[in-house]
Structures are given as structure tokens and as C-alpha cells.
Amino acid sequence: MPKHSSSKKALMINEVCELIPHGVLQGICLESIDGEELTLRLPYRDELVGNPETGTIHSGALTVLLDQTLSTAGICHDSLGPALIPTLDLRIDHLGTAPPGKDIFAVARVYKVTRRVLFVEGFAYCESREKPIARATGSWLLIPKLEFDEIAPIDQAGAQQQ
């Protein structure tokens, strides 16, 4: 399969981000693509605070960010095309908390592809990639040759959420 350009990967990732309702509600968006590495951003919002005394983001919001980033990383893998990739297994090691008021970034890369499973690793950070607040690994079921329009046509996605 031919390698997709970064702009094509970005277009597909933005479409995916618009199709995942809980990701949309949290404001998860594309930050960058660097070859086969994907970074998504979770903007800080008061509604996502899990501990009002400290102002730290709820761990559930971090879990959604990591799950979405690791599952979407398959789009950046040069040997894959658009596919539905449901989560089989996700492990997160929480290493710390995000400082209040800071956006959280999640980085992911596919490290192994089999006929039906993707294995992906990643991490989340706020201020520095060298100081991750969480590390994640997991596996995702690969259902290839599925067009995004088969899941939810873009022109109908907005109507479905209303």
C-alpha cells in the first residue's frame, strides 16, 4: 500500500476526531503528525477537572485521550490504510498528574502489525515529552478496507448528534 502524505493522514485523523462523540465533548484534536508518530491534544477545561481542590484533570479524561490517540495511530502507520480499529486491550500506567490549567498531549506509534491486530504504545505529557504523566500500551483489532463513510457519513454525523 502506498504511503499517505501527512496532509492525507491529518484529514483522516480529523474525520475520526469528529466521529468519536466523547472525544468531541472533551475537545480532543490533532496536534501533529511526525512520520508514523501521532500527537493529539486534550485542551484544559474546567469541566474535565476530577479534583476541584487541586484542579487536576480526571483520569477518565486522560484514559479517553490515550485510547483515542493509540487507536488513531494506525492511520499514521505507512503500511495501513483507513480502517475501523476497536480497542481490544489498553493498559495505562499513571506516572503523575497534569498541572492545573495545562493542556495534555498524547503521543502514539504502532510498533507491530499482524494480519488482524495492531500493537501500539504511547504516553501523555503536559510540559515536556521527557516528563510523561502516563504511559500506555495496547492492542486494537484491525478491520481493514472500511471507508469512514460506511461508519457515519460526514454530512450525516452532525445530524446524528443533534
N, C-alpha and C. Protein backbone atom coordinates (compact mmCIF):
# COMPACT_ATOMS: atom_id res chain seq x y z
N MET A 1 0.85 -1.18 0.00
CA MET A 1 0.00 0.00 0.00
C MET A 1 0.89 1.24 0.00
N PRO A 2 0.56 2.24 -0.80
CA PRO A 2 1.39 3.44 -0.85
C PRO A 2 1.31 4.24 0.45
N LYS A 3 2.40 4.90 0.74
CA LYS A 3 2.49 5.75 1.92
C LYS A 3 1.60 6.98 1.73
N HIS A 4 0.81 7.32 2.77
CA HIS A 4 -0.03 8.52 2.72
C HIS A 4 0.80 9.75 3.11
N SER A 5 0.49 10.87 2.51
CA SER A 5 1.14 12.12 2.88
C SER A 5 0.64 12.55 4.26
N SER A 6 1.40 13.42 4.90
CA SER A 6 0.97 13.94 6.21
C SER A 6 -0.36 14.66 6.11
N SER A 7 -0.59 15.36 5.00
CA SER A 7 -1.86 16.09 4.87
C SER A 7 -3.04 15.11 4.73
N LYS A 8 -2.85 14.00 4.03
CA LYS A 8 -3.90 12.98 3.91
C LYS A 8 -4.15 12.32 5.27
N LYS A 9 -3.06 12.01 5.99
CA LYS A 9 -3.20 11.44 7.34
C LYS A 9 -3.96 12.42 8.24
N ALA A 10 -3.61 13.70 8.17
CA ALA A 10 -4.27 14.72 9.00
C ALA A 10 -5.76 14.80 8.68
N LEU A 11 -6.11 14.75 7.41
CA LEU A 11 -7.51 14.78 7.01
C LEU A 11 -8.28 13.60 7.61
N MET A 12 -7.70 12.40 7.50
CA MET A 12 -8.35 11.20 8.05
C MET A 12 -8.46 11.27 9.56
N ILE A 13 -7.42 11.74 10.24
CA ILE A 13 -7.45 11.83 11.70
C ILE A 13 -8.48 12.86 12.16
N ASN A 14 -8.56 13.99 11.47
CA ASN A 14 -9.57 14.99 11.82
C ASN A 14 -10.98 14.42 11.65
N GLU A 15 -11.20 13.62 10.60
CA GLU A 15 -12.51 12.98 10.40
C GLU A 15 -12.82 12.04 11.56
N VAL A 16 -11.84 11.25 11.97
CA VAL A 16 -12.04 10.34 13.09
C VAL A 16 -12.35 11.13 14.36
N CYS A 17 -11.60 12.18 14.62
CA CYS A 17 -11.84 13.00 15.82
C CYS A 17 -13.25 13.57 15.85
N GLU A 18 -13.81 13.87 14.68
CA GLU A 18 -15.16 14.41 14.60
C GLU A 18 -16.23 13.33 14.75
N LEU A 19 -15.86 12.06 14.62
CA LEU A 19 -16.82 10.96 14.71
C LEU A 19 -16.93 10.33 16.09
N ILE A 20 -16.00 10.60 16.98
CA ILE A 20 -16.00 9.98 18.31
C ILE A 20 -16.64 10.97 19.29
N PRO A 21 -17.90 10.70 19.68
CA PRO A 21 -18.65 11.68 20.48
C PRO A 21 -17.96 12.10 21.78
N HIS A 22 -17.43 11.17 22.56
CA HIS A 22 -16.81 11.56 23.83
C HIS A 22 -15.51 12.33 23.59
N GLY A 23 -14.83 12.05 22.49
CA GLY A 23 -13.65 12.84 22.14
C GLY A 23 -14.03 14.25 21.74
N VAL A 24 -15.14 14.37 21.00
CA VAL A 24 -15.65 15.70 20.61
C VAL A 24 -16.03 16.49 21.85
N LEU A 25 -16.72 15.86 22.78
CA LEU A 25 -17.14 16.55 24.01
C LEU A 25 -15.94 17.04 24.83
N GLN A 26 -14.86 16.30 24.79
CA GLN A 26 -13.66 16.69 25.53
C GLN A 26 -12.79 17.67 24.75
N GLY A 27 -13.06 17.82 23.46
CA GLY A 27 -12.27 18.76 22.65
C GLY A 27 -10.97 18.18 22.12
N ILE A 28 -10.84 16.85 22.09
CA ILE A 28 -9.61 16.22 21.61
C ILE A 28 -9.40 16.56 20.14
N CYS A 29 -8.18 16.96 19.81
CA CYS A 29 -7.89 17.38 18.44
C CYS A 29 -6.46 17.02 18.04
N LEU A 30 -6.23 17.05 16.75
CA LEU A 30 -4.91 16.76 16.20
C LEU A 30 -3.93 17.87 16.57
N GLU A 31 -2.79 17.48 17.09
CA GLU A 31 -1.72 18.42 17.38
C GLU A 31 -0.65 18.34 16.29
N SER A 32 -0.18 17.10 16.00
CA SER A 32 0.86 16.97 14.98
C SER A 32 1.00 15.53 14.52
N ILE A 33 1.61 15.40 13.34
CA ILE A 33 1.99 14.11 12.79
C ILE A 33 3.46 14.23 12.42
N ASP A 34 4.25 13.30 12.90
CA ASP A 34 5.68 13.28 12.57
C ASP A 34 6.00 11.89 12.03
N GLY A 35 5.91 11.73 10.71
CA GLY A 35 6.10 10.42 10.11
C GLY A 35 4.99 9.48 10.54
N GLU A 36 5.34 8.44 11.29
CA GLU A 36 4.35 7.49 11.79
C GLU A 36 3.95 7.75 13.24
N GLU A 37 4.38 8.87 13.79
CA GLU A 37 4.04 9.22 15.16
C GLU A 37 2.92 10.26 15.17
N LEU A 38 1.93 10.03 16.01
CA LEU A 38 0.76 10.91 16.11
C LEU A 38 0.73 11.57 17.48
N THR A 39 0.37 12.85 17.51
CA THR A 39 0.14 13.55 18.78
C THR A 39 -1.24 14.21 18.72
N LEU A 40 -2.08 13.89 19.71
CA LEU A 40 -3.38 14.55 19.88
C LEU A 40 -3.32 15.41 21.14
N ARG A 41 -4.18 16.40 21.21
CA ARG A 41 -4.19 17.33 22.35
C ARG A 41 -5.56 17.32 23.02
N LEU A 42 -5.54 17.32 24.34
CA LEU A 42 -6.74 17.50 25.17
C LEU A 42 -6.63 18.87 25.81
N PRO A 43 -7.40 19.85 25.31
CA PRO A 43 -7.33 21.19 25.90
C PRO A 43 -7.86 21.19 27.34
N TYR A 44 -7.20 21.92 28.21
CA TYR A 44 -7.66 22.04 29.59
C TYR A 44 -9.01 22.75 29.61
N ARG A 45 -9.94 22.16 30.32
CA ARG A 45 -11.26 22.78 30.52
C ARG A 45 -11.71 22.46 31.93
N ASP A 46 -12.36 23.42 32.58
CA ASP A 46 -12.81 23.23 33.95
C ASP A 46 -13.75 22.03 34.10
N GLU A 47 -14.54 21.73 33.04
CA GLU A 47 -15.49 20.60 33.11
C GLU A 47 -14.78 19.26 33.22
N LEU A 48 -13.51 19.19 32.90
CA LEU A 48 -12.77 17.93 32.93
C LEU A 48 -12.00 17.72 34.24
N VAL A 49 -12.09 18.67 35.15
CA VAL A 49 -11.38 18.58 36.42
C VAL A 49 -11.99 17.46 37.27
N GLY A 50 -11.12 16.60 37.77
CA GLY A 50 -11.56 15.50 38.63
C GLY A 50 -11.43 15.82 40.09
N ASN A 51 -10.52 16.70 40.45
CA ASN A 51 -10.32 17.08 41.84
C ASN A 51 -10.36 18.60 41.94
N PRO A 52 -11.49 19.15 42.38
CA PRO A 52 -11.63 20.61 42.44
C PRO A 52 -10.61 21.30 43.37
N GLU A 53 -10.11 20.57 44.36
CA GLU A 53 -9.13 21.16 45.28
C GLU A 53 -7.78 21.40 44.61
N THR A 54 -7.41 20.50 43.69
CA THR A 54 -6.11 20.64 43.04
C THR A 54 -6.22 21.15 41.61
N GLY A 55 -7.40 21.02 40.99
CA GLY A 55 -7.60 21.45 39.61
C GLY A 55 -7.07 20.47 38.58
N THR A 56 -6.74 19.25 39.01
CA THR A 56 -6.20 18.26 38.07
C THR A 56 -7.31 17.59 37.26
N ILE A 57 -6.96 17.24 36.03
CA ILE A 57 -7.90 16.59 35.11
C ILE A 57 -8.25 15.19 35.62
N HIS A 58 -9.51 14.81 35.45
CA HIS A 58 -9.98 13.47 35.83
C HIS A 58 -9.24 12.41 35.04
N SER A 59 -8.89 11.31 35.69
CA SER A 59 -8.15 10.25 35.00
C SER A 59 -8.97 9.63 33.87
N GLY A 60 -10.29 9.69 33.95
CA GLY A 60 -11.13 9.18 32.86
C GLY A 60 -10.93 9.96 31.57
N ALA A 61 -10.76 11.27 31.70
CA ALA A 61 -10.50 12.10 30.51
C ALA A 61 -9.14 11.75 29.91
N LEU A 62 -8.17 11.48 30.75
CA LEU A 62 -6.85 11.06 30.27
C LEU A 62 -6.94 9.70 29.58
N THR A 63 -7.74 8.80 30.13
CA THR A 63 -7.93 7.48 29.52
C THR A 63 -8.54 7.61 28.13
N VAL A 64 -9.55 8.46 27.98
CA VAL A 64 -10.17 8.68 26.67
C VAL A 64 -9.14 9.23 25.69
N LEU A 65 -8.34 10.19 26.12
CA LEU A 65 -7.31 10.77 25.26
C LEU A 65 -6.32 9.70 24.79
N LEU A 66 -5.82 8.89 25.71
CA LEU A 66 -4.84 7.87 25.34
C LEU A 66 -5.47 6.80 24.45
N ASP A 67 -6.67 6.36 24.77
CA ASP A 67 -7.33 5.35 23.95
C ASP A 67 -7.54 5.87 22.53
N GLN A 68 -8.02 7.08 22.40
CA GLN A 68 -8.26 7.66 21.08
C GLN A 68 -6.94 7.86 20.32
N THR A 69 -5.91 8.32 20.99
CA THR A 69 -4.63 8.55 20.33
C THR A 69 -4.01 7.24 19.87
N LEU A 70 -3.96 6.25 20.74
CA LEU A 70 -3.35 4.98 20.37
C LEU A 70 -4.15 4.29 19.27
N SER A 71 -5.47 4.36 19.32
CA SER A 71 -6.27 3.70 18.28
C SER A 71 -6.16 4.43 16.94
N THR A 72 -6.04 5.72 16.97
CA THR A 72 -5.94 6.52 15.75
C THR A 72 -4.54 6.46 15.14
N ALA A 73 -3.55 6.06 15.91
CA ALA A 73 -2.18 5.99 15.42
C ALA A 73 -2.04 5.05 14.22
N GLY A 74 -2.95 4.11 14.07
CA GLY A 74 -2.91 3.21 12.92
C GLY A 74 -2.98 3.95 11.59
N ILE A 75 -3.65 5.09 11.57
CA ILE A 75 -3.74 5.89 10.35
C ILE A 75 -2.36 6.41 9.94
N CYS A 76 -1.50 6.64 10.91
CA CYS A 76 -0.16 7.16 10.62
C CYS A 76 0.82 6.09 10.20
N HIS A 77 0.47 4.83 10.43
CA HIS A 77 1.37 3.74 10.05
C HIS A 77 1.34 3.59 8.54
N ASP A 78 2.50 3.67 7.91
CA ASP A 78 2.57 3.74 6.46
C ASP A 78 2.09 2.49 5.73
N SER A 79 2.01 1.35 6.41
CA SER A 79 1.56 0.14 5.72
C SER A 79 0.05 -0.06 5.81
N LEU A 80 -0.65 0.82 6.53
CA LEU A 80 -2.09 0.67 6.72
C LEU A 80 -2.86 1.76 5.99
N GLY A 81 -4.08 1.48 5.67
CA GLY A 81 -4.99 2.48 5.13
C GLY A 81 -6.08 2.74 6.14
N PRO A 82 -7.12 3.46 5.75
CA PRO A 82 -8.23 3.71 6.66
C PRO A 82 -8.83 2.39 7.12
N ALA A 83 -9.12 2.30 8.40
CA ALA A 83 -9.68 1.07 8.95
C ALA A 83 -10.43 1.40 10.23
N LEU A 84 -11.38 0.55 10.55
CA LEU A 84 -12.04 0.61 11.86
C LEU A 84 -11.13 -0.15 12.81
N ILE A 85 -10.79 0.46 13.94
CA ILE A 85 -9.81 -0.16 14.84
C ILE A 85 -10.34 -0.11 16.27
N PRO A 86 -11.23 -1.04 16.66
CA PRO A 86 -11.73 -1.05 18.04
C PRO A 86 -10.68 -1.58 19.02
N THR A 87 -10.73 -1.07 20.24
CA THR A 87 -9.78 -1.43 21.27
C THR A 87 -10.02 -2.85 21.77
N LEU A 88 -8.95 -3.65 21.80
CA LEU A 88 -9.00 -4.98 22.41
C LEU A 88 -8.50 -4.91 23.85
N ASP A 89 -7.40 -4.19 24.05
CA ASP A 89 -6.77 -4.14 25.36
C ASP A 89 -6.04 -2.81 25.49
N LEU A 90 -6.14 -2.19 26.65
CA LEU A 90 -5.44 -0.94 26.91
C LEU A 90 -4.93 -0.96 28.34
N ARG A 91 -3.64 -0.72 28.48
CA ARG A 91 -3.03 -0.64 29.81
C ARG A 91 -2.43 0.75 29.94
N ILE A 92 -2.75 1.40 31.06
CA ILE A 92 -2.22 2.74 31.33
C ILE A 92 -1.52 2.73 32.68
N ASP A 93 -0.29 3.20 32.70
CA ASP A 93 0.44 3.41 33.94
C ASP A 93 0.41 4.91 34.21
N HIS A 94 -0.28 5.30 35.28
CA HIS A 94 -0.35 6.72 35.66
C HIS A 94 0.91 7.06 36.46
N LEU A 95 1.71 7.95 35.91
CA LEU A 95 3.01 8.29 36.50
C LEU A 95 2.98 9.60 37.27
N GLY A 96 1.93 10.36 37.10
CA GLY A 96 1.81 11.65 37.76
C GLY A 96 0.51 12.32 37.33
N THR A 97 0.37 13.59 37.66
CA THR A 97 -0.82 14.33 37.26
C THR A 97 -0.41 15.56 36.44
N ALA A 98 -1.33 15.99 35.63
CA ALA A 98 -1.11 17.19 34.84
C ALA A 98 -1.29 18.41 35.74
N PRO A 99 -0.42 19.39 35.62
CA PRO A 99 -0.61 20.62 36.40
C PRO A 99 -1.92 21.30 36.00
N PRO A 100 -2.61 21.92 36.94
CA PRO A 100 -3.86 22.60 36.63
C PRO A 100 -3.66 23.65 35.54
N GLY A 101 -4.63 23.75 34.66
CA GLY A 101 -4.61 24.77 33.62
C GLY A 101 -3.80 24.41 32.40
N LYS A 102 -3.21 23.24 32.35
CA LYS A 102 -2.34 22.85 31.23
C LYS A 102 -3.04 21.86 30.31
N ASP A 103 -2.84 22.03 29.01
CA ASP A 103 -3.31 21.04 28.04
C ASP A 103 -2.49 19.77 28.21
N ILE A 104 -3.10 18.64 27.83
CA ILE A 104 -2.40 17.35 27.87
C ILE A 104 -2.22 16.87 26.44
N PHE A 105 -1.04 16.37 26.14
CA PHE A 105 -0.72 15.84 24.82
C PHE A 105 -0.50 14.34 24.94
N ALA A 106 -1.00 13.59 23.95
CA ALA A 106 -0.77 12.15 23.92
C ALA A 106 -0.09 11.81 22.60
N VAL A 107 0.95 11.01 22.69
CA VAL A 107 1.78 10.61 21.56
C VAL A 107 1.67 9.10 21.40
N ALA A 108 1.54 8.63 20.16
CA ALA A 108 1.43 7.18 19.94
C ALA A 108 2.09 6.78 18.64
N ARG A 109 2.51 5.50 18.62
CA ARG A 109 3.14 4.91 17.43
C ARG A 109 2.83 3.41 17.45
N VAL A 110 2.46 2.90 16.28
CA VAL A 110 2.26 1.46 16.10
C VAL A 110 3.64 0.81 16.08
N TYR A 111 3.83 -0.23 16.89
CA TYR A 111 5.13 -0.91 16.88
C TYR A 111 5.08 -2.30 16.28
N LYS A 112 3.87 -2.86 16.07
CA LYS A 112 3.76 -4.16 15.41
C LYS A 112 2.38 -4.27 14.78
N VAL A 113 2.38 -4.83 13.56
CA VAL A 113 1.13 -5.06 12.84
C VAL A 113 1.07 -6.54 12.47
N THR A 114 -0.02 -7.20 12.84
CA THR A 114 -0.27 -8.55 12.36
C THR A 114 -1.45 -8.47 11.39
N ARG A 115 -1.89 -9.61 10.93
CA ARG A 115 -2.99 -9.62 9.97
C ARG A 115 -4.25 -8.98 10.55
N ARG A 116 -4.51 -9.14 11.84
CA ARG A 116 -5.76 -8.65 12.43
C ARG A 116 -5.59 -7.77 13.67
N VAL A 117 -4.36 -7.59 14.14
CA VAL A 117 -4.16 -6.84 15.38
C VAL A 117 -3.03 -5.82 15.22
N LEU A 118 -3.27 -4.63 15.76
CA LEU A 118 -2.23 -3.60 15.86
C LEU A 118 -1.77 -3.53 17.31
N PHE A 119 -0.47 -3.40 17.50
CA PHE A 119 0.08 -3.21 18.84
C PHE A 119 0.67 -1.80 18.86
N VAL A 120 0.24 -1.03 19.85
CA VAL A 120 0.56 0.39 19.87
C VAL A 120 1.06 0.77 21.26
N GLU A 121 1.99 1.73 21.29
CA GLU A 121 2.47 2.26 22.56
C GLU A 121 2.44 3.78 22.49
N GLY A 122 2.35 4.37 23.66
CA GLY A 122 2.32 5.83 23.70
C GLY A 122 2.48 6.37 25.10
N PHE A 123 2.37 7.67 25.21
CA PHE A 123 2.49 8.33 26.50
C PHE A 123 1.77 9.66 26.46
N ALA A 124 1.49 10.20 27.64
CA ALA A 124 0.86 11.52 27.76
C ALA A 124 1.80 12.42 28.56
N TYR A 125 1.80 13.69 28.18
CA TYR A 125 2.63 14.66 28.88
C TYR A 125 1.97 16.03 28.83
N CYS A 126 2.48 16.93 29.66
CA CYS A 126 2.00 18.32 29.63
C CYS A 126 3.10 19.27 29.21
N GLU A 127 4.06 19.43 30.03
CA GLU A 127 5.07 20.45 29.82
C GLU A 127 6.28 19.96 29.04
N SER A 128 6.57 18.66 29.10
CA SER A 128 7.75 18.13 28.44
C SER A 128 7.55 16.65 28.11
N ARG A 129 7.92 16.28 26.89
CA ARG A 129 7.86 14.87 26.49
C ARG A 129 8.75 14.01 27.39
N GLU A 130 9.77 14.60 27.96
CA GLU A 130 10.70 13.87 28.82
C GLU A 130 10.12 13.62 30.21
N LYS A 131 8.96 14.23 30.52
CA LYS A 131 8.32 14.04 31.82
C LYS A 131 6.88 13.57 31.61
N PRO A 132 6.71 12.31 31.18
CA PRO A 132 5.35 11.82 30.92
C PRO A 132 4.54 11.70 32.21
N ILE A 133 3.24 11.94 32.08
CA ILE A 133 2.34 11.76 33.22
C ILE A 133 1.65 10.39 33.14
N ALA A 134 1.76 9.73 31.98
CA ALA A 134 1.20 8.39 31.83
C ALA A 134 1.88 7.70 30.64
N ARG A 135 1.96 6.39 30.73
CA ARG A 135 2.43 5.55 29.62
C ARG A 135 1.32 4.55 29.32
N ALA A 136 1.17 4.22 28.04
CA ALA A 136 0.09 3.30 27.65
C ALA A 136 0.57 2.33 26.58
N THR A 137 0.05 1.13 26.63
CA THR A 137 0.26 0.14 25.59
C THR A 137 -1.07 -0.56 25.39
N GLY A 138 -1.23 -1.12 24.21
CA GLY A 138 -2.46 -1.85 23.98
C GLY A 138 -2.49 -2.51 22.63
N SER A 139 -3.62 -3.17 22.39
CA SER A 139 -3.82 -3.84 21.10
C SER A 139 -5.20 -3.45 20.57
N TRP A 140 -5.27 -3.37 19.25
CA TRP A 140 -6.50 -2.95 18.57
C TRP A 140 -6.79 -3.91 17.43
N LEU A 141 -8.06 -4.25 17.29
CA LEU A 141 -8.50 -5.14 16.21
C LEU A 141 -8.50 -4.37 14.91
N LEU A 142 -7.85 -4.91 13.90
CA LEU A 142 -7.76 -4.27 12.60
C LEU A 142 -8.85 -4.81 11.69
N ILE A 143 -9.75 -3.93 11.28
CA ILE A 143 -10.80 -4.26 10.32
C ILE A 143 -10.53 -3.39 9.10
N PRO A 144 -9.71 -3.91 8.15
CA PRO A 144 -9.27 -3.08 7.02
C PRO A 144 -10.34 -2.88 5.97
N LYS A 145 -9.98 -2.01 5.03
CA LYS A 145 -10.80 -1.72 3.86
C LYS A 145 -12.20 -1.25 4.21
N LEU A 146 -12.28 -0.41 5.23
CA LEU A 146 -13.55 0.16 5.62
C LEU A 146 -13.46 1.67 5.41
N GLU A 147 -14.34 2.19 4.60
CA GLU A 147 -14.37 3.62 4.36
C GLU A 147 -15.07 4.32 5.52
N PHE A 148 -14.59 5.49 5.91
CA PHE A 148 -15.21 6.22 7.00
C PHE A 148 -16.68 6.53 6.71
N ASP A 149 -17.02 6.72 5.44
CA ASP A 149 -18.42 6.99 5.08
C ASP A 149 -19.32 5.81 5.40
N GLU A 150 -18.77 4.61 5.50
CA GLU A 150 -19.58 3.45 5.86
C GLU A 150 -19.93 3.47 7.34
N ILE A 151 -19.08 4.09 8.16
CA ILE A 151 -19.34 4.17 9.60
C ILE A 151 -20.42 5.22 9.86
N ALA A 152 -20.19 6.42 9.42
CA ALA A 152 -21.12 7.52 9.59
C ALA A 152 -20.76 8.59 8.57
N PRO A 153 -21.55 8.73 7.52
CA PRO A 153 -21.23 9.76 6.53
C PRO A 153 -21.06 11.12 7.20
N ILE A 154 -20.03 11.83 6.79
CA ILE A 154 -19.70 13.11 7.41
C ILE A 154 -20.90 14.05 7.39
N ASP A 155 -21.66 14.11 6.28
CA ASP A 155 -22.78 15.04 6.22
C ASP A 155 -23.93 14.60 7.14
N GLN A 156 -23.95 13.35 7.58
CA GLN A 156 -24.99 12.87 8.49
C GLN A 156 -24.52 12.82 9.94
N ALA A 157 -23.22 12.89 10.17
CA ALA A 157 -22.69 12.78 11.53
C ALA A 157 -23.24 13.88 12.42
N GLY A 158 -23.28 15.10 11.92
CA GLY A 158 -23.83 16.20 12.71
C GLY A 158 -25.29 16.00 13.01
N ALA A 159 -26.04 15.49 12.04
CA ALA A 159 -27.47 15.26 12.23
C ALA A 159 -27.70 14.17 13.27
N GLN A 160 -26.80 13.16 13.33
CA GLN A 160 -26.96 12.08 14.29
C GLN A 160 -26.74 12.56 15.71
N GLN A 161 -25.91 13.57 15.89
CA GLN A 161 -25.60 14.05 17.24
C GLN A 161 -26.63 15.06 17.73
N GLN A 162 -27.48 15.56 16.86
CA GLN A 162 -28.44 16.59 17.28
C GLN A 162 -29.64 15.98 17.94
